[in-house]
Structure formats: C-alpha cells, structure tokens
PDB file of N, CA and C in Angstrom:
ATOM      1  N   UNK A   1    -108.014  35.522  72.700  1.00  0.00           N
ATOM      2  CA  UNK A   1    -108.820  34.588  71.928  1.00  0.00           C
ATOM      3  C   UNK A   1    -109.334  33.782  72.102  1.00  0.00           C
ATOM      4  N   UNK A   2    -109.903  33.328  73.636  1.00  0.00           N
ATOM      5  CA  UNK A   2    -110.870  33.717  74.574  1.00  0.00           C
ATOM      6  C   UNK A   2    -112.367  34.690  74.253  1.00  0.00           C
ATOM      7  N   UNK A   3    -111.948  35.288  73.993  1.00  0.00           N
ATOM      8  CA  UNK A   3    -112.585  36.494  74.112  1.00  0.00           C
ATOM      9  C   UNK A   3    -113.362  36.176  72.491  1.00  0.00           C
ATOM     10  N   UNK A   4    -112.283  36.084  72.019  1.00  0.00           N
ATOM     11  CA  UNK A   4    -113.089  35.859  70.376  1.00  0.00           C
ATOM     12  C   UNK A   4    -113.844  34.905  70.225  1.00  0.00           C
ATOM     13  N   UNK A   5    -113.620  33.644  70.541  1.00  0.00           N
ATOM     14  CA  UNK A   5    -114.200  32.492  70.279  1.00  0.00           C
ATOM     15  C   UNK A   5    -115.392  33.148  71.882  1.00  0.00           C
ATOM     16  N   UNK A   6    -115.772  33.280  72.784  1.00  0.00           N
ATOM     17  CA  UNK A   6    -116.770  33.851  72.470  1.00  0.00           C
ATOM     18  C   UNK A   6    -117.462  34.966  72.095  1.00  0.00           C
ATOM     19  N   UNK A   7    -117.498  36.214  72.162  1.00  0.00           N
ATOM     20  CA  UNK A   7    -117.582  36.840  70.799  1.00  0.00           C
ATOM     21  C   UNK A   7    -118.157  35.832  69.236  1.00  0.00           C
ATOM     22  N   UNK A   8    -117.861  35.061  68.657  1.00  0.00           N
ATOM     23  CA  UNK A   8    -117.775  34.346  67.830  1.00  0.00           C
ATOM     24  C   UNK A   8    -119.824  33.399  68.516  1.00  0.00           C
ATOM     25  N   UNK A   9    -119.471  32.467  69.504  1.00  0.00           N
ATOM     26  CA  UNK A   9    -120.489  32.133  69.839  1.00  0.00           C
ATOM     27  C   UNK A   9    -121.573  32.572  70.027  1.00  0.00           C
ATOM     28  N   UNK A  10    -121.706  34.131  70.856  1.00  0.00           N
ATOM     29  CA  UNK A  10    -122.533  34.647  70.728  1.00  0.00           C
ATOM     30  C   UNK A  10    -123.736  35.383  69.750  1.00  0.00           C
ATOM     31  N   UNK A  11    -122.192  35.435  69.008  1.00  0.00           N
ATOM     32  CA  UNK A  11    -123.093  36.180  66.906  1.00  0.00           C
ATOM     33  C   UNK A  11    -123.739  34.904  66.568  1.00  0.00           C
ATOM     34  N   UNK A  12    -123.488  33.795  66.779  1.00  0.00           N
ATOM     35  CA  UNK A  12    -123.727  32.638  66.125  1.00  0.00           C
ATOM     36  C   UNK A  12    -124.893  32.188  67.374  1.00  0.00           C
ATOM     37  N   UNK A  13    -125.182  32.648  68.376  1.00  0.00           N
ATOM     38  CA  UNK A  13    -126.748  32.306  68.979  1.00  0.00           C
ATOM     39  C   UNK A  13    -127.741  33.408  68.636  1.00  0.00           C
ATOM     40  N   UNK A  14    -127.424  34.236  68.282  1.00  0.00           N
ATOM     41  CA  UNK A  14    -127.835  35.134  68.001  1.00  0.00           C
ATOM     42  C   UNK A  14    -128.937  34.635  66.754  1.00  0.00           C
ATOM     43  N   UNK A  15    -127.789  34.978  65.752  1.00  0.00           N
ATOM     44  CA  UNK A  15    -128.179  34.607  64.564  1.00  0.00           C
ATOM     45  C   UNK A  15    -129.301  33.204  64.115  1.00  0.00           C
ATOM     46  N   UNK A  16    -128.538  32.841  64.734  1.00  0.00           N
ATOM     47  CA  UNK A  16    -129.814  31.468  65.524  1.00  0.00           C
ATOM     48  C   UNK A  16    -131.038  31.771  65.440  1.00  0.00           C
ATOM     49  N   UNK A  17    -130.910  32.514  66.374  1.00  0.00           N
ATOM     50  CA  UNK A  17    -132.429  32.871  67.679  1.00  0.00           C
ATOM     51  C   UNK A  17    -133.180  33.620  66.278  1.00  0.00           C
ATOM     52  N   UNK A  18    -132.429  34.579  65.648  1.00  0.00           N
ATOM     53  CA  UNK A  18    -132.810  35.554  64.941  1.00  0.00           C
ATOM     54  C   UNK A  18    -133.766  34.653  63.574  1.00  0.00           C
ATOM     55  N   UNK A  19    -133.041  33.317  62.954  1.00  0.00           N
ATOM     56  CA  UNK A  19    -133.542  32.571  62.162  1.00  0.00           C
ATOM     57  C   UNK A  19    -134.495  31.874  62.589  1.00  0.00           C
ATOM     58  N   UNK A  20    -134.888  31.498  63.415  1.00  0.00           N
ATOM     59  CA  UNK A  20    -135.792  30.493  64.068  1.00  0.00           C
ATOM     60  C   UNK A  20    -136.744  31.540  63.929  1.00  0.00           C
ATOM     61  N   UNK A  21    -136.787  32.836  64.585  1.00  0.00           N
ATOM     62  CA  UNK A  21    -138.115  33.762  64.983  1.00  0.00           C
ATOM     63  C   UNK A  21    -138.593  33.691  63.287  1.00  0.00           C
ATOM     64  N   UNK A  22    -137.544  34.242  62.584  1.00  0.00           N
ATOM     65  CA  UNK A  22    -138.057  34.845  61.706  1.00  0.00           C
ATOM     66  C   UNK A  22    -138.753  33.725  60.702  1.00  0.00           C
ATOM     67  N   UNK A  23    -138.177  32.224  60.874  1.00  0.00           N
ATOM     68  CA  UNK A  23    -138.915  30.925  59.849  1.00  0.00           C
ATOM     69  C   UNK A  23    -140.549  31.281  59.939  1.00  0.00           C
ATOM     70  N   UNK A  24    -141.415  30.857  61.348  1.00  0.00           N
ATOM     71  CA  UNK A  24    -143.285  30.784  61.352  1.00  0.00           C
ATOM     72  C   UNK A  24    -143.673  32.126  61.062  1.00  0.00           C
ATOM     73  N   UNK A  25    -142.578  33.246  61.006  1.00  0.00           N
ATOM     74  CA  UNK A  25    -143.432  34.724  60.400  1.00  0.00           C
ATOM     75  C   UNK A  25    -143.276  34.458  58.861  1.00  0.00           C
ATOM     76  N   UNK A  26    -142.363  33.606  57.831  1.00  0.00           N
ATOM     77  CA  UNK A  26    -142.692  33.877  56.880  1.00  0.00           C
ATOM     78  C   UNK A  26    -143.902  32.358  56.184  1.00  0.00           C
ATOM     79  N   UNK A  27    -144.083  31.649  57.165  1.00  0.00           N
ATOM     80  CA  UNK A  27    -144.703  30.263  56.897  1.00  0.00           C
ATOM     81  C   UNK A  27    -145.828  31.257  56.811  1.00  0.00           C
ATOM     82  N   UNK A  28    -146.329  29.773  55.466  1.00  0.00           N
ATOM     83  CA  UNK A  28    -147.648  30.545  54.802  1.00  0.00           C
ATOM     84  C   UNK A  28    -148.678  29.509  54.552  1.00  0.00           C
ATOM     85  N   UNK A  29    -149.891  29.402  55.116  1.00  0.00           N
ATOM     86  CA  UNK A  29    -150.837  28.326  54.782  1.00  0.00           C
ATOM     87  C   UNK A  29    -150.708  27.488  53.291  1.00  0.00           C
ATOM     88  N   UNK A  30    -151.033  26.124  53.096  1.00  0.00           N
ATOM     89  CA  UNK A  30    -150.793  25.644  51.753  1.00  0.00           C
ATOM     90  C   UNK A  30    -151.495  24.697  51.776  1.00  0.00           C
ATOM     91  N   UNK A  31    -151.996  24.374  50.241  1.00  0.00           N
ATOM     92  CA  UNK A  31    -152.776  22.957  50.526  1.00  0.00           C
ATOM     93  C   UNK A  31    -152.051  21.675  50.839  1.00  0.00           C
ATOM     94  N   UNK A  32    -152.515  21.055  51.447  1.00  0.00           N
ATOM     95  CA  UNK A  32    -151.835  19.269  51.889  1.00  0.00           C
ATOM     96  C   UNK A  32    -152.227  18.664  51.063  1.00  0.00           C
ATOM     97  N   UNK A  33    -153.497  18.247  50.789  1.00  0.00           N
ATOM     98  CA  UNK A  33    -153.743  17.417  50.286  1.00  0.00           C
ATOM     99  C   UNK A  33    -155.283  17.540  50.047  1.00  0.00           C
ATOM    100  N   UNK A  34    -155.520  16.325  48.621  1.00  0.00           N
ATOM    101  CA  UNK A  34    -157.246  16.447  48.245  1.00  0.00           C
ATOM    102  C   UNK A  34    -157.705  15.615  48.142  1.00  0.00           C
ATOM    103  N   UNK A  35    -159.285  15.519  48.795  1.00  0.00           N
ATOM    104  CA  UNK A  35    -159.515  14.025  48.195  1.00  0.00           C
ATOM    105  C   UNK A  35    -161.189  14.009  47.265  1.00  0.00           C
ATOM    106  N   UNK A  36    -160.783  14.021  45.857  1.00  0.00           N
ATOM    107  CA  UNK A  36    -160.730  12.842  45.325  1.00  0.00           C
ATOM    108  C   UNK A  36    -158.325  13.728  45.144  1.00  0.00           C
ATOM    109  N   UNK A  37    -157.792  12.986  45.101  1.00  0.00           N
ATOM    110  CA  UNK A  37    -157.013  13.960  44.693  1.00  0.00           C
ATOM    111  C   UNK A  37    -156.256  13.910  43.087  1.00  0.00           C
ATOM    112  N   UNK A  38    -156.032  15.354  43.054  1.00  0.00           N
ATOM    113  CA  UNK A  38    -155.324  15.958  42.095  1.00  0.00           C
ATOM    114  C   UNK A  38    -155.023  14.891  40.441  1.00  0.00           C
ATOM    115  N   UNK A  39    -155.746  14.800  39.567  1.00  0.00           N
ATOM    116  CA  UNK A  39    -155.055  13.843  38.369  1.00  0.00           C
ATOM    117  C   UNK A  39    -155.611  12.567  39.002  1.00  0.00           C
ATOM    118  N   UNK A  40    -156.222  12.109  40.059  1.00  0.00           N
ATOM    119  CA  UNK A  40    -157.124  10.825  40.100  1.00  0.00           C
ATOM    120  C   UNK A  40    -157.919  10.777  39.162  1.00  0.00           C
ATOM    121  N   UNK A  41    -158.348   9.359  39.080  1.00  0.00           N
ATOM    122  CA  UNK A  41    -159.510   8.861  38.460  1.00  0.00           C
ATOM    123  C   UNK A  41    -160.428   7.614  39.642  1.00  0.00           C
ATOM    124  N   UNK A  42    -161.325   8.966  39.420  1.00  0.00           N
ATOM    125  CA  UNK A  42    -162.695   8.521  40.788  1.00  0.00           C
ATOM    126  C   UNK A  42    -163.437   7.808  39.989  1.00  0.00           C
ATOM    127  N   UNK A  43    -163.931   6.076  40.580  1.00  0.00           N
ATOM    128  CA  UNK A  43    -164.613   5.113  39.592  1.00  0.00           C
ATOM    129  C   UNK A  43    -165.898   4.823  40.726  1.00  0.00           C
ATOM    130  N   UNK A  44    -166.227   5.036  41.901  1.00  0.00           N
ATOM    131  CA  UNK A  44    -167.279   5.486  42.388  1.00  0.00           C
ATOM    132  C   UNK A  44    -167.681   6.704  42.370  1.00  0.00           C
ATOM    133  N   UNK A  45    -169.375   6.247  43.121  1.00  0.00           N
ATOM    134  CA  UNK A  45    -170.469   7.892  43.389  1.00  0.00           C
ATOM    135  C   UNK A  45    -168.997   9.027  44.393  1.00  0.00           C
ATOM    136  N   UNK A  46    -168.829  10.296  43.742  1.00  0.00           N
ATOM    137  CA  UNK A  46    -168.415  11.190  44.373  1.00  0.00           C
ATOM    138  C   UNK A  46    -169.310  11.764  45.274  1.00  0.00           C
ATOM    139  N   UNK A  47    -169.524  12.243  46.387  1.00  0.00           N
ATOM    140  CA  UNK A  47    -170.570  13.415  46.878  1.00  0.00           C
ATOM    141  C   UNK A  47    -169.877  14.389  47.195  1.00  0.00           C
ATOM    142  N   UNK A  48    -168.472  14.572  47.742  1.00  0.00           N
ATOM    143  CA  UNK A  48    -167.921  15.168  48.750  1.00  0.00           C
ATOM    144  C   UNK A  48    -166.460  15.642  48.055  1.00  0.00           C
ATOM    145  N   UNK A  49    -165.844  16.682  48.068  1.00  0.00           N
ATOM    146  CA  UNK A  49    -164.532  17.143  47.362  1.00  0.00           C
ATOM    147  C   UNK A  49    -164.080  17.832  49.074  1.00  0.00           C
ATOM    148  N   UNK A  50    -162.994  17.466  49.726  1.00  0.00           N
ATOM    149  CA  UNK A  50    -162.568  17.550  50.796  1.00  0.00           C
ATOM    150  C   UNK A  50    -160.896  18.181  50.926  1.00  0.00           C
ATOM    151  N   UNK A  51    -160.484  19.198  50.826  1.00  0.00           N
ATOM    152  CA  UNK A  51    -159.640  20.329  50.622  1.00  0.00           C
ATOM    153  C   UNK A  51    -159.136  19.898  51.976  1.00  0.00           C
ATOM    154  N   UNK A  52    -157.652  19.822  52.176  1.00  0.00           N
ATOM    155  CA  UNK A  52    -156.992  19.850  53.544  1.00  0.00           C
ATOM    156  C   UNK A  52    -155.447  20.586  53.413  1.00  0.00           C
ATOM    157  N   UNK A  53    -155.615  21.695  54.240  1.00  0.00           N
ATOM    158  CA  UNK A  53    -154.384  22.955  54.361  1.00  0.00           C
ATOM    159  C   UNK A  53    -153.389  22.589  55.377  1.00  0.00           C
ATOM    160  N   UNK A  54    -152.732  23.249  55.627  1.00  0.00           N
ATOM    161  CA  UNK A  54    -151.422  22.731  56.465  1.00  0.00           C
ATOM    162  C   UNK A  54    -151.807  23.411  57.967  1.00  0.00           C
ATOM    163  N   UNK A  55    -152.982  24.118  58.160  1.00  0.00           N
ATOM    164  CA  UNK A  55    -153.176  24.895  58.815  1.00  0.00           C
ATOM    165  C   UNK A  55    -154.496  25.396  58.862  1.00  0.00           C
ATOM    166  N   UNK A  56    -155.319  25.997  60.128  1.00  0.00           N
ATOM    167  CA  UNK A  56    -156.585  26.347  59.894  1.00  0.00           C
ATOM    168  C   UNK A  56    -156.927  27.267  59.074  1.00  0.00           C
ATOM    169  N   UNK A  57    -158.074  27.502  58.260  1.00  0.00           N
ATOM    170  CA  UNK A  57    -158.793  28.439  57.614  1.00  0.00           C
ATOM    171  C   UNK A  57    -159.223  28.842  57.891  1.00  0.00           C
ATOM    172  N   UNK A  58    -159.820  30.657  57.332  1.00  0.00           N
ATOM    173  CA  UNK A  58    -161.062  31.230  58.223  1.00  0.00           C
ATOM    174  C   UNK A  58    -162.414  30.545  57.760  1.00  0.00           C
ATOM    175  N   UNK A  59    -162.942  30.081  58.832  1.00  0.00           N
ATOM    176  CA  UNK A  59    -164.468  29.474  59.101  1.00  0.00           C
ATOM    177  C   UNK A  59    -165.126  30.585  57.965  1.00  0.00           C
ATOM    178  N   UNK A  60    -165.576  32.103  57.288  1.00  0.00           N
ATOM    179  CA  UNK A  60    -166.166  32.702  56.994  1.00  0.00           C
ATOM    180  C   UNK A  60    -165.913  33.133  56.058  1.00  0.00           C
ATOM    181  N   UNK A  61    -164.769  32.510  55.406  1.00  0.00           N
ATOM    182  CA  UNK A  61    -164.499  33.086  53.639  1.00  0.00           C
ATOM    183  C   UNK A  61    -163.895  31.895  53.233  1.00  0.00           C
ATOM    184  N   UNK A  62    -164.943  31.475  52.234  1.00  0.00           N
ATOM    185  CA  UNK A  62    -164.215  30.024  51.891  1.00  0.00           C
ATOM    186  C   UNK A  62    -165.184  29.949  50.314  1.00  0.00           C
ATOM    187  N   UNK A  63    -164.649  29.321  48.993  1.00  0.00           N
ATOM    188  CA  UNK A  63    -165.276  29.447  48.242  1.00  0.00           C
ATOM    189  C   UNK A  63    -164.658  28.081  47.280  1.00  0.00           C
ATOM    190  N   UNK A  64    -165.009  27.380  46.688  1.00  0.00           N
ATOM    191  CA  UNK A  64    -164.696  26.181  46.315  1.00  0.00           C
ATOM    192  C   UNK A  64    -166.221  25.766  44.825  1.00  0.00           C
ATOM    193  N   UNK A  65    -165.625  25.860  43.650  1.00  0.00           N
ATOM    194  CA  UNK A  65    -166.137  25.685  42.946  1.00  0.00           C
ATOM    195  C   UNK A  65    -165.862  24.002  41.971  1.00  0.00           C
ATOM    196  N   UNK A  66    -166.596  23.752  41.724  1.00  0.00           N
ATOM    197  CA  UNK A  66    -166.180  22.236  40.829  1.00  0.00           C
ATOM    198  C   UNK A  66    -167.226  21.575  39.421  1.00  0.00           C
ATOM    199  N   UNK A  67    -166.217  22.100  38.519  1.00  0.00           N
ATOM    200  CA  UNK A  67    -167.353  22.675  36.874  1.00  0.00           C
ATOM    201  C   UNK A  67    -166.907  20.740  36.152  1.00  0.00           C
ATOM    202  N   UNK A  68    -168.303  20.517  35.929  1.00  0.00           N
ATOM    203  CA  UNK A  68    -168.242  19.073  34.959  1.00  0.00           C
ATOM    204  C   UNK A  68    -167.368  19.507  33.409  1.00  0.00           C
ATOM    205  N   UNK A  69    -167.083  18.357  32.726  1.00  0.00           N
ATOM    206  CA  UNK A  69    -166.317  18.790  31.576  1.00  0.00           C
ATOM    207  C   UNK A  69    -166.796  20.008  30.688  1.00  0.00           C
ATOM    208  N   UNK A  70    -168.343  20.133  30.586  1.00  0.00           N
ATOM    209  CA  UNK A  70    -169.013  21.161  29.665  1.00  0.00           C
ATOM    210  C   UNK A  70    -169.248  22.410  30.642  1.00  0.00           C
ATOM    211  N   UNK A  71    -168.276  22.433  31.498  1.00  0.00           N
ATOM    212  CA  UNK A  71    -168.300  24.225  32.349  1.00  0.00           C
ATOM    213  C   UNK A  71    -169.394  24.126  33.384  1.00  0.00           C
ATOM    214  N   UNK A  72    -170.419  22.942  33.587  1.00  0.00           N
ATOM    215  CA  UNK A  72    -171.317  23.113  34.417  1.00  0.00           C
ATOM    216  C   UNK A  72    -170.714  22.880  35.807  1.00  0.00           C
ATOM    217  N   UNK A  73    -171.492  23.849  36.757  1.00  0.00           N
ATOM    218  CA  UNK A  73    -171.221  23.927  37.964  1.00  0.00           C
ATOM    219  C   UNK A  73    -171.773  22.483  38.753  1.00  0.00           C
ATOM    220  N   UNK A  74    -171.276  21.593  39.600  1.00  0.00           N
ATOM    221  CA  UNK A  74    -171.841  20.894  39.856  1.00  0.00           C
ATOM    222  C   UNK A  74    -171.618  20.327  41.438  1.00  0.00           C
ATOM    223  N   UNK A  75    -171.126  21.836  42.337  1.00  0.00           N
ATOM    224  CA  UNK A  75    -171.417  22.149  43.844  1.00  0.00           C
ATOM    225  C   UNK A  75    -173.114  22.145  44.206  1.00  0.00           C
ATOM    226  N   UNK A  76    -173.121  21.469  45.603  1.00  0.00           N
ATOM    227  CA  UNK A  76    -174.465  21.645  46.070  1.00  0.00           C
ATOM    228  C   UNK A  76    -174.160  22.305  46.895  1.00  0.00           C
ATOM    229  N   UNK A  77    -174.696  23.712  47.117  1.00  0.00           N
ATOM    230  CA  UNK A  77    -174.303  24.344  48.536  1.00  0.00           C
ATOM    231  C   UNK A  77    -173.020  24.753  48.822  1.00  0.00           C
ATOM    232  N   UNK A  78    -172.580  25.573  49.850  1.00  0.00           N
ATOM    233  CA  UNK A  78    -171.879  26.180  50.423  1.00  0.00           C
ATOM    234  C   UNK A  78    -170.614  25.480  50.915  1.00  0.00           C
ATOM    235  N   UNK A  79    -169.417  25.514  50.927  1.00  0.00           N
ATOM    236  CA  UNK A  79    -168.355  25.271  51.434  1.00  0.00           C
ATOM    237  C   UNK A  79    -168.405  24.898  52.872  1.00  0.00           C
ATOM    238  N   UNK A  80    -168.108  23.870  53.605  1.00  0.00           N
ATOM    239  CA  UNK A  80    -168.161  23.704  55.014  1.00  0.00           C
ATOM    240  C   UNK A  80    -167.108  23.843  55.104  1.00  0.00           C
ATOM    241  N   UNK A  81    -166.853  24.484  56.358  1.00  0.00           N
ATOM    242  CA  UNK A  81    -164.891  25.168  56.646  1.00  0.00           C
ATOM    243  C   UNK A  81    -164.934  24.324  58.036  1.00  0.00           C
ATOM    244  N   UNK A  82    -163.779  23.788  58.623  1.00  0.00           N
ATOM    245  CA  UNK A  82    -163.972  23.619  60.037  1.00  0.00           C
ATOM    246  C   UNK A  82    -162.093  23.118  59.936  1.00  0.00           C
ATOM    247  N   UNK A  83    -161.444  24.235  60.181  1.00  0.00           N
ATOM    248  CA  UNK A  83    -160.371  23.853  60.913  1.00  0.00           C
ATOM    249  C   UNK A  83    -159.591  24.158  59.603  1.00  0.00           C
ATOM    250  N   UNK A  84    -159.002  23.021  59.343  1.00  0.00           N
ATOM    251  CA  UNK A  84    -157.726  23.530  58.071  1.00  0.00           C
ATOM    252  C   UNK A  84    -158.470  22.284  56.753  1.00  0.00           C
ATOM    253  N   UNK A  85    -159.575  21.810  57.550  1.00  0.00           N
ATOM    254  CA  UNK A  85    -160.581  20.893  56.363  1.00  0.00           C
ATOM    255  C   UNK A  85    -161.862  22.066  55.716  1.00  0.00           C
ATOM    256  N   UNK A  86    -161.573  21.782  54.589  1.00  0.00           N
ATOM    257  CA  UNK A  86    -162.784  22.366  53.698  1.00  0.00           C
ATOM    258  C   UNK A  86    -164.022  21.299  53.268  1.00  0.00           C
ATOM    259  N   UNK A  87    -164.801  20.847  53.028  1.00  0.00           N
ATOM    260  CA  UNK A  87    -165.515  20.057  52.401  1.00  0.00           C
ATOM    261  C   UNK A  87    -166.653  20.545  51.811  1.00  0.00           C
ATOM    262  N   UNK A  88    -166.889  20.587  50.267  1.00  0.00           N
ATOM    263  CA  UNK A  88    -167.352  21.240  49.444  1.00  0.00           C
ATOM    264  C   UNK A  88    -168.361  19.639  48.991  1.00  0.00           C
ATOM    265  N   UNK A  89    -169.878  20.244  49.585  1.00  0.00           N
ATOM    266  CA  UNK A  89    -170.543  18.876  48.523  1.00  0.00           C
ATOM    267  C   UNK A  89    -171.158  19.091  47.403  1.00  0.00           C
ATOM    268  N   UNK A  90    -171.552  18.439  46.428  1.00  0.00           N
ATOM    269  CA  UNK A  90    -171.788  17.900  45.623  1.00  0.00           C
ATOM    270  C   UNK A  90    -172.551  17.214  44.793  1.00  0.00           C
ATOM    271  N   UNK A  91    -173.737  17.875  43.907  1.00  0.00           N
ATOM    272  CA  UNK A  91    -175.070  17.370  43.351  1.00  0.00           C
ATOM    273  C   UNK A  91    -174.413  15.894  42.298  1.00  0.00           C
ATOM    274  N   UNK A  92    -175.268  15.642  41.713  1.00  0.00           N
ATOM    275  CA  UNK A  92    -174.840  14.192  41.053  1.00  0.00           C
ATOM    276  C   UNK A  92    -173.803  15.172  39.873  1.00  0.00           C
ATOM    277  N   UNK A  93    -172.498  14.074  38.881  1.00  0.00           N
ATOM    278  CA  UNK A  93    -171.623  14.667  38.372  1.00  0.00           C
ATOM    279  C   UNK A  93    -172.507  13.997  37.281  1.00  0.00           C
ATOM    280  N   UNK A  94    -172.733  15.024  36.192  1.00  0.00           N
ATOM    281  CA  UNK A  94    -173.719  14.110  34.980  1.00  0.00           C
ATOM    282  C   UNK A  94    -172.807  13.544  33.871  1.00  0.00           C
ATOM    283  N   UNK A  95    -170.933  13.778  33.541  1.00  0.00           N
ATOM    284  CA  UNK A  95    -171.501  12.566  32.891  1.00  0.00           C
ATOM    285  C   UNK A  95    -169.327  12.407  32.727  1.00  0.00           C
ATOM    286  N   UNK A  96    -168.750  11.195  32.273  1.00  0.00           N
ATOM    287  CA  UNK A  96    -167.399  11.095  32.494  1.00  0.00           C
ATOM    288  C   UNK A  96    -166.464  12.355  31.759  1.00  0.00           C
ATOM    289  N   UNK A  97    -165.603  12.428  32.678  1.00  0.00           N
ATOM    290  CA  UNK A  97    -164.438  13.388  31.762  1.00  0.00           C
ATOM    291  C   UNK A  97    -163.658  14.041  33.391  1.00  0.00           C
ATOM    292  N   UNK A  98    -163.000  14.938  32.719  1.00  0.00           N
ATOM    293  CA  UNK A  98    -162.019  15.792  33.214  1.00  0.00           C
ATOM    294  C   UNK A  98    -163.492  17.187  34.220  1.00  0.00           C
ATOM    295  N   UNK A  99    -163.106  16.750  35.708  1.00  0.00           N
ATOM    296  CA  UNK A  99    -163.681  18.021  36.412  1.00  0.00           C
ATOM    297  C   UNK A  99    -162.463  19.180  36.973  1.00  0.00           C
ATOM    298  N   UNK A 100    -162.926  20.119  37.056  1.00  0.00           N
ATOM    299  CA  UNK A 100    -161.900  21.254  37.660  1.00  0.00           C
ATOM    300  C   UNK A 100    -162.487  21.765  38.977  1.00  0.00           C
ATOM    301  N   UNK A 101    -161.465  21.635  39.749  1.00  0.00           N
ATOM    302  CA  UNK A 101    -161.925  22.265  41.045  1.00  0.00           C
ATOM    303  C   UNK A 101    -161.247  23.625  41.684  1.00  0.00           C
ATOM    304  N   UNK A 102    -162.007  24.284  41.869  1.00  0.00           N
ATOM    305  CA  UNK A 102    -160.942  25.228  41.744  1.00  0.00           C
ATOM    306  C   UNK A 102    -161.468  26.203  43.417  1.00  0.00           C
ATOM    307  N   UNK A 103    -160.607  26.592  44.253  1.00  0.00           N
ATOM    308  CA  UNK A 103    -160.274  26.609  45.452  1.00  0.00           C
ATOM    309  C   UNK A 103    -160.103  28.699  45.337  1.00  0.00           C
ATOM    310  N   UNK A 104    -161.009  29.326  46.549  1.00  0.00           N
ATOM    311  CA  UNK A 104    -160.307  30.116  47.431  1.00  0.00           C
ATOM    312  C   UNK A 104    -160.545  30.714  48.896  1.00  0.00           C
ATOM    313  N   UNK A 105    -159.861  30.321  49.707  1.00  0.00           N
ATOM    314  CA  UNK A 105    -160.135  30.600  51.206  1.00  0.00           C
ATOM    315  C   UNK A 105    -158.762  31.707  51.293  1.00  0.00           C
ATOM    316  N   UNK A 106    -159.174  31.754  53.263  1.00  0.00           N
ATOM    317  CA  UNK A 106    -158.619  33.138  53.483  1.00  0.00           C
ATOM    318  C   UNK A 106    -157.950  32.175  54.759  1.00  0.00           C
ATOM    319  N   UNK A 107    -156.008  32.165  54.852  1.00  0.00           N
ATOM    320  CA  UNK A 107    -155.733  32.076  55.866  1.00  0.00           C
ATOM    321  C   UNK A 107    -155.992  32.919  57.101  1.00  0.00           C
ATOM    322  N   UNK A 108    -155.466  31.820  57.917  1.00  0.00           N
ATOM    323  CA  UNK A 108    -155.997  32.779  59.700  1.00  0.00           C
ATOM    324  C   UNK A 108    -155.178  33.632  59.669  1.00  0.00           C
ATOM    325  N   UNK A 109    -154.107  34.108  59.086  1.00  0.00           N
ATOM    326  CA  UNK A 109    -153.335  35.543  58.573  1.00  0.00           C
ATOM    327  C   UNK A 109    -153.738  36.285  57.954  1.00  0.00           C
ATOM    328  N   UNK A 110    -154.691  35.942  57.057  1.00  0.00           N
ATOM    329  CA  UNK A 110    -155.608  37.098  56.226  1.00  0.00           C
ATOM    330  C   UNK A 110    -155.100  36.476  54.579  1.00  0.00           C
ATOM    331  N   UNK A 111    -154.076  36.481  54.304  1.00  0.00           N
ATOM    332  CA  UNK A 111    -153.522  35.954  53.413  1.00  0.00           C
ATOM    333  C   UNK A 111    -154.330  34.914  52.763  1.00  0.00           C
ATOM    334  N   UNK A 112    -155.240  35.713  50.778  1.00  0.00           N
ATOM    335  CA  UNK A 112    -155.772  34.312  50.242  1.00  0.00           C
ATOM    336  C   UNK A 112    -155.228  33.620  49.733  1.00  0.00           C
ATOM    337  N   UNK A 113    -155.633  32.325  49.304  1.00  0.00           N
ATOM    338  CA  UNK A 113    -155.374  31.291  49.106  1.00  0.00           C
ATOM    339  C   UNK A 113    -155.811  30.261  47.797  1.00  0.00           C
ATOM    340  N   UNK A 114    -155.502  30.507  46.798  1.00  0.00           N
ATOM    341  CA  UNK A 114    -156.634  29.795  45.634  1.00  0.00           C
ATOM    342  C   UNK A 114    -154.983  29.194  44.852  1.00  0.00           C
ATOM    343  N   UNK A 115    -156.463  28.410  44.079  1.00  0.00           N
ATOM    344  CA  UNK A 115    -155.753  27.147  43.367  1.00  0.00           C
ATOM    345  C   UNK A 115    -156.845  26.292  42.611  1.00  0.00           C
ATOM    346  N   UNK A 116    -156.376  25.174  41.706  1.00  0.00           N
ATOM    347  CA  UNK A 116    -157.374  24.435  41.557  1.00  0.00           C
ATOM    348  C   UNK A 116    -156.336  23.385  41.225  1.00  0.00           C
ATOM    349  N   UNK A 117    -157.841  21.903  40.627  1.00  0.00           N
ATOM    350  CA  UNK A 117    -156.313  20.766  40.331  1.00  0.00           C
ATOM    351  C   UNK A 117    -157.889  19.831  39.678  1.00  0.00           C
ATOM    352  N   UNK A 118    -157.382  19.223  39.106  1.00  0.00           N
ATOM    353  CA  UNK A 118    -158.452  18.157  38.175  1.00  0.00           C
ATOM    354  C   UNK A 118    -158.510  16.695  38.693  1.00  0.00           C
ATOM    355  N   UNK A 119    -159.190  15.549  38.700  1.00  0.00           N
ATOM    356  CA  UNK A 119    -159.586  14.701  38.257  1.00  0.00           C
ATOM    357  C   UNK A 119    -160.635  14.097  37.199  1.00  0.00           C
ATOM    358  N   UNK A 120    -160.698  13.200  37.057  1.00  0.00           N
ATOM    359  CA  UNK A 120    -160.932  12.681  35.988  1.00  0.00           C
ATOM    360  C   UNK A 120    -162.722  11.392  36.806  1.00  0.00           C
TER     361      UNK A 120
END
C-alpha cells in the first residue's frame, strides 16, 4: 500500500511539474491597457495614444494607425516602443466623433499582435 501511495505522489509531482513548465510556453503577449481607454469619451486635447502590453514587445517592429471619423490618418510620425509600452504621437484631431486605433506589434517571441479599439 505504501508503494502505491509513493508512486501516486511521484506521478502527481511529475504531472504538476509538467503543467507548470508548459504554462509559460503557452503564454502570449496581449494588450493590457490603452490610453485613452477603449470606448472612452475624451474631453481634453489628446496628443498621444498609449498601448500597454503584459510584456515587452519588439522595439524595431510596431505600427499604430489612428483614424478620424472620415478615415483621415491623424498619427504624427512613428510609434515609440519602450518595453511593454507603445506611444503613438498624434497631430490635431480634426473633428468630434469616433476615432479608430489599429495596431500591429511583434512580441519578443516573434508572434504578431494585432487589434483595434475606438474612442470618441
């Protein structure tokens, strides 16, 4: 009986070790927060859109497009990527309405991350 319990305990420990080892390998980079927040209404002058990810992204590859309600691009220059933060400078926002932010960055493990959100 003691041998069976030892074998079961050993199998449980090995199984737990395998599961814990797999979790980091299957984790992916994802968007944690944005400024302005998705679906927020902005009342002050906005000069930058900020994306924050759960881990650093590739500093050499990143693109953010911000479009006015009429489709006009309002980003001003390239995105600035520092660690897990991506900052996109904006030019003047020409009209009130729904703005769309689309982004594409590359995780440190090489996986592309794309998405979009809106603010008013």
